[in-house]
C-alpha cells in the first residue's frame, strides 16, 4: 500500500475471494466436456463449456421433467457451486432442477441440491464434495426450451 506504485509504504499478502462469495474460485475449464439428453441443431452441449458467451446449448424442445445435462470437469476436485447462465434469456432457464455429483460418471447417489430457477442466471450452492461429473436434471416444465450459454463450477 502507498501513495503510488513508487511510494510503497506497506507490503504484505492477502487472499481475495475472486468475487464468487465464500472464498470459492472458478474451476478452470481445461479438458471439460458436456452431454445432454436432447439438443437443437447447432446448439450442442459443448457450447455451454466453451467459454464463448455468444454460443449456447439448447434442448431444442420445451422443458420437461427428466431432461438432463452432464458436465465432465476433467478431474476429481472439490466442488461447492455451479452456475447456469442462459445469457439474459427471460425464459430459457431451468424451471426446476436437481444436481447430482459423481467421481466416475456412473454412480450418482442422492441429489446434492434442488430448486427452481427464477431468472437467466441460476446459482446452485451445496456442501463441498469431491467429484468430476456434474449432472443437472430438469424437474420443472415450460413451453420454452432449456438453454445454457455458460456453465461454471466452483470449488
N, C-alpha and C. Protein backbone atom coordinates (compact mmCIF):
# COMPACT_ATOMS: atom_id res chain seq x y z
N UNK A 1 0.85 -1.18 0.00
CA UNK A 1 0.00 0.00 0.00
C UNK A 1 0.89 1.23 0.00
N UNK A 2 0.44 2.28 -0.61
CA UNK A 2 1.19 3.52 -0.63
C UNK A 2 0.48 4.56 -1.46
N UNK A 3 1.11 5.70 -1.59
CA UNK A 3 0.53 6.81 -2.34
C UNK A 3 0.58 6.57 -3.84
N UNK A 4 1.54 5.78 -4.30
CA UNK A 4 1.68 5.44 -5.72
C UNK A 4 2.50 4.16 -5.82
N UNK A 5 2.68 3.66 -7.05
CA UNK A 5 3.46 2.44 -7.22
C UNK A 5 4.94 2.67 -6.89
N UNK A 6 5.38 3.92 -6.84
CA UNK A 6 6.77 4.24 -6.49
C UNK A 6 6.93 4.56 -5.01
N UNK A 7 5.81 4.68 -4.29
CA UNK A 7 5.85 5.05 -2.88
C UNK A 7 5.11 4.00 -2.05
N UNK A 8 5.68 2.76 -2.03
CA UNK A 8 5.06 1.67 -1.27
C UNK A 8 5.52 1.74 0.17
N UNK A 9 4.58 1.98 1.08
CA UNK A 9 4.91 2.13 2.50
C UNK A 9 4.61 0.87 3.29
N UNK A 10 3.78 -0.01 2.75
CA UNK A 10 3.39 -1.21 3.46
C UNK A 10 3.28 -2.35 2.45
N UNK A 11 3.87 -3.49 2.76
CA UNK A 11 3.76 -4.66 1.90
C UNK A 11 3.27 -5.83 2.72
N UNK A 12 2.71 -6.80 2.07
CA UNK A 12 2.21 -7.99 2.73
C UNK A 12 1.43 -8.82 1.76
N UNK A 13 0.77 -9.87 2.26
CA UNK A 13 -0.03 -10.75 1.41
C UNK A 13 -1.42 -10.88 1.99
N UNK A 14 -2.37 -11.08 1.09
CA UNK A 14 -3.74 -11.37 1.49
C UNK A 14 -4.36 -12.27 0.44
N UNK A 15 -5.46 -12.90 0.77
CA UNK A 15 -6.19 -13.74 -0.17
C UNK A 15 -7.51 -13.06 -0.47
N UNK A 16 -7.79 -12.90 -1.76
CA UNK A 16 -9.03 -12.30 -2.20
C UNK A 16 -9.90 -13.40 -2.78
N UNK A 17 -11.17 -13.42 -2.41
CA UNK A 17 -12.08 -14.49 -2.80
C UNK A 17 -12.47 -14.54 -4.25
N UNK A 18 -12.10 -13.63 -5.10
CA UNK A 18 -12.40 -13.70 -6.51
C UNK A 18 -13.80 -13.29 -6.88
N UNK A 19 -14.56 -12.74 -5.96
CA UNK A 19 -15.87 -12.22 -6.28
C UNK A 19 -16.98 -13.25 -6.37
N UNK A 20 -16.72 -14.52 -6.07
CA UNK A 20 -17.76 -15.53 -6.16
C UNK A 20 -18.43 -15.76 -4.83
N UNK A 21 -17.96 -15.16 -3.76
CA UNK A 21 -18.56 -15.32 -2.44
C UNK A 21 -18.07 -16.57 -1.75
N UNK A 22 -17.87 -16.47 -0.47
CA UNK A 22 -17.48 -17.62 0.31
C UNK A 22 -16.10 -18.16 0.01
N UNK A 23 -15.25 -17.40 -0.66
CA UNK A 23 -13.91 -17.85 -0.98
C UNK A 23 -13.86 -18.89 -2.08
N UNK A 24 -14.94 -19.12 -2.79
CA UNK A 24 -14.95 -20.09 -3.88
C UNK A 24 -14.25 -19.52 -5.10
N UNK A 25 -13.59 -20.40 -5.84
CA UNK A 25 -12.90 -19.97 -7.06
C UNK A 25 -13.41 -20.80 -8.24
N UNK A 26 -13.45 -20.19 -9.43
CA UNK A 26 -13.91 -20.94 -10.61
C UNK A 26 -12.96 -22.09 -10.92
N UNK A 27 -13.52 -23.20 -11.33
CA UNK A 27 -12.73 -24.34 -11.76
C UNK A 27 -12.31 -24.09 -13.21
N UNK A 28 -11.01 -24.16 -13.52
CA UNK A 28 -10.58 -23.96 -14.91
C UNK A 28 -11.25 -24.97 -15.84
N UNK A 29 -11.65 -24.54 -17.02
CA UNK A 29 -12.40 -25.39 -17.94
C UNK A 29 -11.53 -26.29 -18.81
N UNK A 30 -10.27 -26.37 -18.56
CA UNK A 30 -9.37 -27.21 -19.35
C UNK A 30 -9.82 -28.66 -19.28
N UNK A 31 -10.05 -29.26 -20.43
CA UNK A 31 -10.44 -30.67 -20.50
C UNK A 31 -11.90 -30.97 -20.24
N UNK A 32 -12.73 -29.97 -20.15
CA UNK A 32 -14.14 -30.18 -19.88
C UNK A 32 -14.85 -30.72 -21.13
N UNK A 33 -15.91 -31.49 -20.89
CA UNK A 33 -16.81 -31.92 -21.96
C UNK A 33 -18.22 -31.92 -21.40
N UNK A 34 -19.20 -32.01 -22.28
CA UNK A 34 -20.59 -31.98 -21.84
C UNK A 34 -21.46 -32.82 -22.75
N UNK A 35 -22.50 -33.41 -22.17
CA UNK A 35 -23.50 -34.15 -22.92
C UNK A 35 -24.88 -33.69 -22.44
N UNK A 36 -25.89 -33.98 -23.24
CA UNK A 36 -27.25 -33.60 -22.87
C UNK A 36 -28.23 -34.63 -23.41
N UNK A 37 -29.38 -34.73 -22.76
CA UNK A 37 -30.39 -35.69 -23.20
C UNK A 37 -31.04 -35.28 -24.52
N UNK A 38 -31.01 -34.00 -24.85
CA UNK A 38 -31.51 -33.53 -26.14
C UNK A 38 -30.80 -32.24 -26.50
N UNK A 39 -30.73 -31.96 -27.80
CA UNK A 39 -30.07 -30.74 -28.30
C UNK A 39 -30.76 -30.25 -29.54
N UNK A 40 -30.59 -28.97 -29.84
CA UNK A 40 -31.20 -28.36 -31.02
C UNK A 40 -30.13 -27.96 -32.03
N UNK A 41 -30.22 -28.49 -33.22
CA UNK A 41 -29.35 -28.07 -34.32
C UNK A 41 -27.91 -27.88 -33.92
N UNK A 42 -27.40 -26.66 -34.11
CA UNK A 42 -26.02 -26.34 -33.78
C UNK A 42 -25.79 -26.00 -32.32
N UNK A 43 -26.85 -25.99 -31.51
CA UNK A 43 -26.72 -25.66 -30.08
C UNK A 43 -26.31 -26.90 -29.29
N UNK A 44 -25.09 -27.37 -29.54
CA UNK A 44 -24.59 -28.62 -28.96
C UNK A 44 -24.14 -28.42 -27.52
N UNK A 45 -24.11 -29.50 -26.71
CA UNK A 45 -23.73 -29.39 -25.30
C UNK A 45 -22.37 -28.75 -25.05
N UNK A 46 -21.40 -29.01 -25.91
CA UNK A 46 -20.07 -28.44 -25.71
C UNK A 46 -20.10 -26.91 -25.67
N UNK A 47 -21.10 -26.30 -26.29
CA UNK A 47 -21.21 -24.84 -26.29
C UNK A 47 -21.34 -24.25 -24.89
N UNK A 48 -21.91 -25.02 -23.94
CA UNK A 48 -22.10 -24.46 -22.60
C UNK A 48 -20.81 -24.40 -21.80
N UNK A 49 -19.75 -25.06 -22.27
CA UNK A 49 -18.48 -25.06 -21.54
C UNK A 49 -17.32 -24.54 -22.40
N UNK A 50 -17.63 -23.88 -23.53
CA UNK A 50 -16.57 -23.43 -24.43
C UNK A 50 -16.00 -22.06 -24.08
N UNK A 51 -16.58 -21.36 -23.11
CA UNK A 51 -16.08 -20.05 -22.71
C UNK A 51 -16.48 -18.93 -23.66
N UNK A 52 -17.36 -19.21 -24.60
CA UNK A 52 -17.82 -18.20 -25.56
C UNK A 52 -19.26 -17.83 -25.21
N UNK A 53 -19.44 -16.62 -24.70
CA UNK A 53 -20.77 -16.20 -24.24
C UNK A 53 -21.80 -16.17 -25.36
N UNK A 54 -21.36 -16.05 -26.60
CA UNK A 54 -22.29 -15.97 -27.72
C UNK A 54 -22.80 -17.32 -28.21
N UNK A 55 -22.28 -18.41 -27.67
CA UNK A 55 -22.77 -19.73 -28.06
C UNK A 55 -23.55 -20.32 -26.89
N UNK A 56 -24.35 -21.34 -27.17
CA UNK A 56 -25.15 -21.93 -26.11
C UNK A 56 -25.51 -23.35 -26.46
N UNK A 57 -25.91 -24.11 -25.44
CA UNK A 57 -26.58 -25.38 -25.64
C UNK A 57 -28.06 -25.11 -25.47
N UNK A 58 -28.88 -25.81 -26.25
CA UNK A 58 -30.32 -25.68 -26.13
C UNK A 58 -30.95 -27.06 -26.30
N UNK A 59 -32.00 -27.30 -25.51
CA UNK A 59 -32.69 -28.59 -25.56
C UNK A 59 -33.38 -28.85 -26.89
N UNK A 60 -33.80 -27.80 -27.58
CA UNK A 60 -34.48 -27.96 -28.86
C UNK A 60 -35.94 -28.35 -28.75
N UNK A 61 -36.38 -28.61 -27.55
CA UNK A 61 -37.78 -28.95 -27.28
C UNK A 61 -38.17 -28.27 -25.98
N UNK A 62 -39.46 -28.09 -25.72
CA UNK A 62 -39.86 -27.47 -24.45
C UNK A 62 -39.30 -28.22 -23.25
N UNK A 63 -39.03 -27.48 -22.17
CA UNK A 63 -38.52 -28.07 -20.94
C UNK A 63 -39.49 -29.12 -20.42
N UNK A 64 -38.93 -30.25 -20.01
CA UNK A 64 -39.73 -31.33 -19.45
C UNK A 64 -38.95 -32.03 -18.36
N UNK A 65 -39.66 -32.52 -17.36
CA UNK A 65 -39.02 -33.27 -16.29
C UNK A 65 -38.23 -34.43 -16.88
N UNK A 66 -37.01 -34.62 -16.39
CA UNK A 66 -36.16 -35.72 -16.84
C UNK A 66 -35.08 -35.31 -17.82
N UNK A 67 -35.24 -34.16 -18.50
CA UNK A 67 -34.16 -33.70 -19.37
C UNK A 67 -32.92 -33.47 -18.50
N UNK A 68 -31.73 -33.70 -19.08
CA UNK A 68 -30.53 -33.55 -18.27
C UNK A 68 -29.34 -33.07 -19.08
N UNK A 69 -28.41 -32.46 -18.37
CA UNK A 69 -27.09 -32.13 -18.91
C UNK A 69 -26.06 -32.71 -17.94
N UNK A 70 -24.96 -33.19 -18.49
CA UNK A 70 -23.88 -33.73 -17.69
C UNK A 70 -22.59 -33.07 -18.13
N UNK A 71 -21.84 -32.55 -17.16
CA UNK A 71 -20.56 -31.90 -17.44
C UNK A 71 -19.45 -32.70 -16.78
N UNK A 72 -18.43 -33.03 -17.57
CA UNK A 72 -17.23 -33.70 -17.08
C UNK A 72 -16.18 -32.61 -16.90
N UNK A 73 -15.76 -32.35 -15.67
CA UNK A 73 -14.78 -31.29 -15.39
C UNK A 73 -13.34 -31.74 -15.60
N UNK A 74 -13.14 -32.96 -16.09
CA UNK A 74 -11.81 -33.42 -16.46
C UNK A 74 -11.00 -34.06 -15.35
N UNK A 75 -11.35 -33.84 -14.10
CA UNK A 75 -10.61 -34.42 -12.98
C UNK A 75 -11.46 -34.34 -11.72
N UNK A 76 -11.21 -35.23 -10.79
CA UNK A 76 -11.89 -35.16 -9.50
C UNK A 76 -11.36 -33.96 -8.74
N UNK A 77 -12.26 -33.15 -8.22
CA UNK A 77 -11.91 -31.94 -7.49
C UNK A 77 -13.01 -31.60 -6.51
N UNK A 78 -12.75 -30.71 -5.58
CA UNK A 78 -13.76 -30.26 -4.64
C UNK A 78 -14.69 -29.27 -5.34
N UNK A 79 -15.98 -29.55 -5.33
CA UNK A 79 -16.98 -28.68 -5.95
C UNK A 79 -17.99 -28.26 -4.89
N UNK A 80 -18.42 -26.98 -4.94
CA UNK A 80 -19.38 -26.47 -3.96
C UNK A 80 -20.43 -25.54 -4.58
N UNK A 81 -20.33 -25.28 -5.88
CA UNK A 81 -21.29 -24.38 -6.53
C UNK A 81 -21.24 -24.62 -8.04
N UNK A 82 -22.40 -24.48 -8.67
CA UNK A 82 -22.45 -24.38 -10.13
C UNK A 82 -23.29 -23.18 -10.49
N UNK A 83 -23.05 -22.65 -11.68
CA UNK A 83 -23.93 -21.63 -12.23
C UNK A 83 -24.31 -22.04 -13.64
N UNK A 84 -25.54 -21.75 -13.99
CA UNK A 84 -26.06 -21.98 -15.34
C UNK A 84 -26.59 -20.65 -15.83
N UNK A 85 -25.93 -20.08 -16.81
CA UNK A 85 -26.28 -18.76 -17.31
C UNK A 85 -26.91 -18.90 -18.69
N UNK A 86 -28.15 -18.48 -18.82
CA UNK A 86 -28.83 -18.56 -20.12
C UNK A 86 -28.67 -17.28 -20.92
N UNK A 87 -27.63 -16.51 -20.61
CA UNK A 87 -27.24 -15.32 -21.38
C UNK A 87 -28.36 -14.29 -21.49
N UNK A 88 -29.00 -14.01 -20.38
CA UNK A 88 -30.01 -12.96 -20.36
C UNK A 88 -31.39 -13.39 -20.80
N UNK A 89 -31.55 -14.64 -21.19
CA UNK A 89 -32.86 -15.09 -21.63
C UNK A 89 -33.86 -15.02 -20.48
N UNK A 90 -34.99 -14.45 -20.74
CA UNK A 90 -36.02 -14.31 -19.71
C UNK A 90 -36.87 -15.58 -19.58
N UNK A 91 -36.61 -16.60 -20.43
CA UNK A 91 -37.48 -17.76 -20.41
C UNK A 91 -36.75 -19.11 -20.43
N UNK A 92 -35.48 -19.16 -20.82
CA UNK A 92 -34.80 -20.43 -21.08
C UNK A 92 -34.06 -21.03 -19.88
N UNK A 93 -34.23 -20.51 -18.69
CA UNK A 93 -33.52 -21.02 -17.52
C UNK A 93 -34.24 -22.24 -16.94
N UNK A 94 -33.50 -23.04 -16.15
CA UNK A 94 -34.06 -24.25 -15.54
C UNK A 94 -35.19 -23.88 -14.58
N UNK A 95 -36.39 -24.34 -14.85
CA UNK A 95 -37.55 -24.02 -14.00
C UNK A 95 -37.52 -24.80 -12.70
N UNK A 96 -36.99 -25.99 -12.76
CA UNK A 96 -36.80 -26.82 -11.59
C UNK A 96 -35.63 -27.74 -11.88
N UNK A 97 -34.85 -28.08 -10.88
CA UNK A 97 -33.66 -28.89 -11.14
C UNK A 97 -33.25 -29.67 -9.90
N UNK A 98 -32.49 -30.72 -10.15
CA UNK A 98 -31.75 -31.44 -9.13
C UNK A 98 -30.32 -31.55 -9.64
N UNK A 99 -29.36 -31.43 -8.72
CA UNK A 99 -27.95 -31.52 -9.08
C UNK A 99 -27.37 -32.77 -8.43
N UNK A 100 -26.68 -33.56 -9.24
CA UNK A 100 -26.03 -34.78 -8.78
C UNK A 100 -24.54 -34.69 -9.07
N UNK A 101 -23.72 -35.30 -8.22
CA UNK A 101 -22.27 -35.32 -8.41
C UNK A 101 -21.79 -36.76 -8.46
N UNK A 102 -20.68 -36.99 -9.18
CA UNK A 102 -20.10 -38.32 -9.26
C UNK A 102 -18.60 -38.21 -9.51
N UNK A 103 -17.85 -39.13 -8.97
CA UNK A 103 -16.41 -39.16 -9.26
C UNK A 103 -16.12 -39.91 -10.55
N UNK A 104 -16.98 -40.89 -10.91
CA UNK A 104 -16.72 -41.69 -12.09
C UNK A 104 -17.74 -41.59 -13.20
N UNK A 105 -18.84 -40.87 -12.97
CA UNK A 105 -19.85 -40.69 -14.00
C UNK A 105 -20.81 -41.86 -14.15
N UNK A 106 -20.76 -42.83 -13.22
CA UNK A 106 -21.64 -43.99 -13.29
C UNK A 106 -22.61 -43.97 -12.11
N UNK A 107 -22.08 -43.89 -10.91
CA UNK A 107 -22.91 -43.84 -9.70
C UNK A 107 -23.13 -42.38 -9.31
N UNK A 108 -24.40 -42.01 -9.07
CA UNK A 108 -24.72 -40.61 -8.79
C UNK A 108 -25.20 -40.37 -7.37
N UNK A 109 -25.74 -41.34 -6.70
CA UNK A 109 -26.23 -41.13 -5.34
C UNK A 109 -27.40 -40.17 -5.30
N UNK A 110 -27.60 -39.55 -4.15
CA UNK A 110 -28.70 -38.61 -3.94
C UNK A 110 -28.34 -37.23 -4.48
N UNK A 111 -29.36 -36.45 -4.80
CA UNK A 111 -29.14 -35.08 -5.24
C UNK A 111 -28.46 -34.27 -4.15
N UNK A 112 -27.48 -33.45 -4.52
CA UNK A 112 -26.80 -32.59 -3.56
C UNK A 112 -27.51 -31.25 -3.43
N UNK A 113 -28.38 -30.95 -4.38
CA UNK A 113 -29.14 -29.69 -4.35
C UNK A 113 -30.35 -29.82 -5.26
N UNK A 114 -31.36 -29.03 -4.97
CA UNK A 114 -32.52 -28.93 -5.84
C UNK A 114 -33.13 -27.56 -5.65
N UNK A 115 -33.89 -27.14 -6.63
CA UNK A 115 -34.50 -25.82 -6.52
C UNK A 115 -35.23 -25.46 -7.79
N UNK A 116 -35.61 -24.19 -7.86
CA UNK A 116 -36.29 -23.64 -9.03
C UNK A 116 -35.56 -22.38 -9.46
N UNK A 117 -35.22 -22.31 -10.72
CA UNK A 117 -34.61 -21.10 -11.23
C UNK A 117 -35.62 -19.97 -11.26
N UNK A 118 -35.14 -18.75 -11.10
CA UNK A 118 -36.04 -17.59 -11.12
C UNK A 118 -35.58 -16.54 -12.13
N UNK A 119 -34.53 -16.82 -12.88
CA UNK A 119 -34.04 -15.87 -13.86
C UNK A 119 -32.91 -16.45 -14.68
N UNK A 120 -32.33 -15.61 -15.54
CA UNK A 120 -31.34 -16.06 -16.51
C UNK A 120 -30.09 -16.67 -15.89
N UNK A 121 -29.69 -16.25 -14.69
CA UNK A 121 -28.52 -16.83 -14.02
C UNK A 121 -29.00 -17.65 -12.83
N UNK A 122 -28.80 -18.96 -12.93
CA UNK A 122 -29.18 -19.86 -11.84
C UNK A 122 -27.90 -20.26 -11.11
N UNK A 123 -27.83 -19.93 -9.81
CA UNK A 123 -26.68 -20.26 -8.97
C UNK A 123 -27.12 -21.32 -7.97
N UNK A 124 -26.36 -22.41 -7.90
CA UNK A 124 -26.70 -23.52 -7.03
C UNK A 124 -25.52 -23.80 -6.09
N UNK A 125 -25.73 -23.61 -4.80
CA UNK A 125 -24.71 -23.90 -3.79
C UNK A 125 -25.04 -25.21 -3.10
N UNK A 126 -24.00 -25.94 -2.71
CA UNK A 126 -24.17 -27.20 -1.99
C UNK A 126 -22.92 -27.45 -1.17
N UNK A 127 -23.00 -28.39 -0.23
CA UNK A 127 -21.84 -28.73 0.60
C UNK A 127 -20.72 -29.26 -0.30
N UNK A 128 -19.51 -28.77 -0.08
CA UNK A 128 -18.37 -29.17 -0.91
C UNK A 128 -18.19 -30.68 -0.90
N UNK A 129 -18.00 -31.23 -2.10
CA UNK A 129 -17.77 -32.66 -2.27
C UNK A 129 -16.77 -32.88 -3.40
N UNK A 130 -16.01 -33.96 -3.31
CA UNK A 130 -15.11 -34.32 -4.39
C UNK A 130 -15.92 -34.97 -5.50
N UNK A 131 -15.76 -34.46 -6.71
CA UNK A 131 -16.48 -35.00 -7.86
C UNK A 131 -15.77 -34.58 -9.14
N UNK A 132 -16.02 -35.33 -10.18
CA UNK A 132 -15.54 -34.99 -11.52
C UNK A 132 -16.72 -34.61 -12.41
N UNK A 133 -17.85 -35.28 -12.21
CA UNK A 133 -19.02 -35.09 -13.06
C UNK A 133 -20.12 -34.37 -12.31
N UNK A 134 -20.83 -33.50 -13.03
CA UNK A 134 -21.99 -32.79 -12.51
C UNK A 134 -23.14 -33.07 -13.47
N UNK A 135 -24.24 -33.59 -12.92
CA UNK A 135 -25.44 -33.82 -13.73
C UNK A 135 -26.56 -32.94 -13.18
N UNK A 136 -27.21 -32.20 -14.07
CA UNK A 136 -28.36 -31.39 -13.70
C UNK A 136 -29.57 -32.00 -14.40
N UNK A 137 -30.57 -32.38 -13.61
CA UNK A 137 -31.78 -32.99 -14.14
C UNK A 137 -32.94 -32.01 -13.97
N UNK A 138 -33.63 -31.74 -15.06
CA UNK A 138 -34.77 -30.82 -15.06
C UNK A 138 -35.95 -31.47 -14.32
N UNK A 139 -36.53 -30.75 -13.38
CA UNK A 139 -37.73 -31.23 -12.69
C UNK A 139 -38.94 -30.34 -13.00
N UNK A 140 -38.70 -29.21 -13.64
CA UNK A 140 -39.78 -28.30 -14.00
C UNK A 140 -40.18 -28.47 -15.45
N UNK A 141 -41.20 -27.73 -15.84
CA UNK A 141 -41.66 -27.75 -17.23
C UNK A 141 -41.93 -26.33 -17.69
N UNK A 142 -41.87 -26.15 -19.00
CA UNK A 142 -42.17 -24.85 -19.60
C UNK A 142 -42.35 -25.06 -21.10
N UNK A 143 -43.04 -24.13 -21.73
CA UNK A 143 -43.14 -24.18 -23.19
C UNK A 143 -41.85 -23.68 -23.84
N UNK A 144 -40.98 -23.04 -23.06
CA UNK A 144 -39.69 -22.57 -23.56
C UNK A 144 -38.68 -23.71 -23.58
N UNK A 145 -37.67 -23.57 -24.43
CA UNK A 145 -36.57 -24.52 -24.44
C UNK A 145 -35.68 -24.25 -23.24
N UNK A 146 -34.90 -25.23 -22.84
CA UNK A 146 -33.90 -25.07 -21.78
C UNK A 146 -32.58 -24.77 -22.46
N UNK A 147 -31.94 -23.66 -22.10
CA UNK A 147 -30.67 -23.27 -22.72
C UNK A 147 -29.66 -22.89 -21.65
N UNK A 148 -28.40 -23.20 -21.92
CA UNK A 148 -27.30 -22.77 -21.06
C UNK A 148 -26.19 -22.24 -21.97
N UNK A 149 -25.90 -20.95 -21.83
CA UNK A 149 -24.80 -20.36 -22.60
C UNK A 149 -23.47 -20.60 -21.92
N UNK A 150 -23.45 -20.49 -20.60
CA UNK A 150 -22.22 -20.70 -19.83
C UNK A 150 -22.53 -21.52 -18.58
N UNK A 151 -21.85 -22.64 -18.44
CA UNK A 151 -21.95 -23.49 -17.26
C UNK A 151 -20.61 -23.36 -16.53
N UNK A 152 -20.66 -23.03 -15.26
CA UNK A 152 -19.43 -22.90 -14.47
C UNK A 152 -19.54 -23.71 -13.20
N UNK A 153 -18.39 -24.13 -12.70
CA UNK A 153 -18.31 -24.85 -11.43
C UNK A 153 -17.28 -24.14 -10.56
N UNK A 154 -17.49 -24.19 -9.24
CA UNK A 154 -16.62 -23.50 -8.29
C UNK A 154 -16.26 -24.45 -7.16
N UNK A 155 -15.07 -24.28 -6.65
CA UNK A 155 -14.63 -25.12 -5.53
C UNK A 155 -13.94 -24.28 -4.48
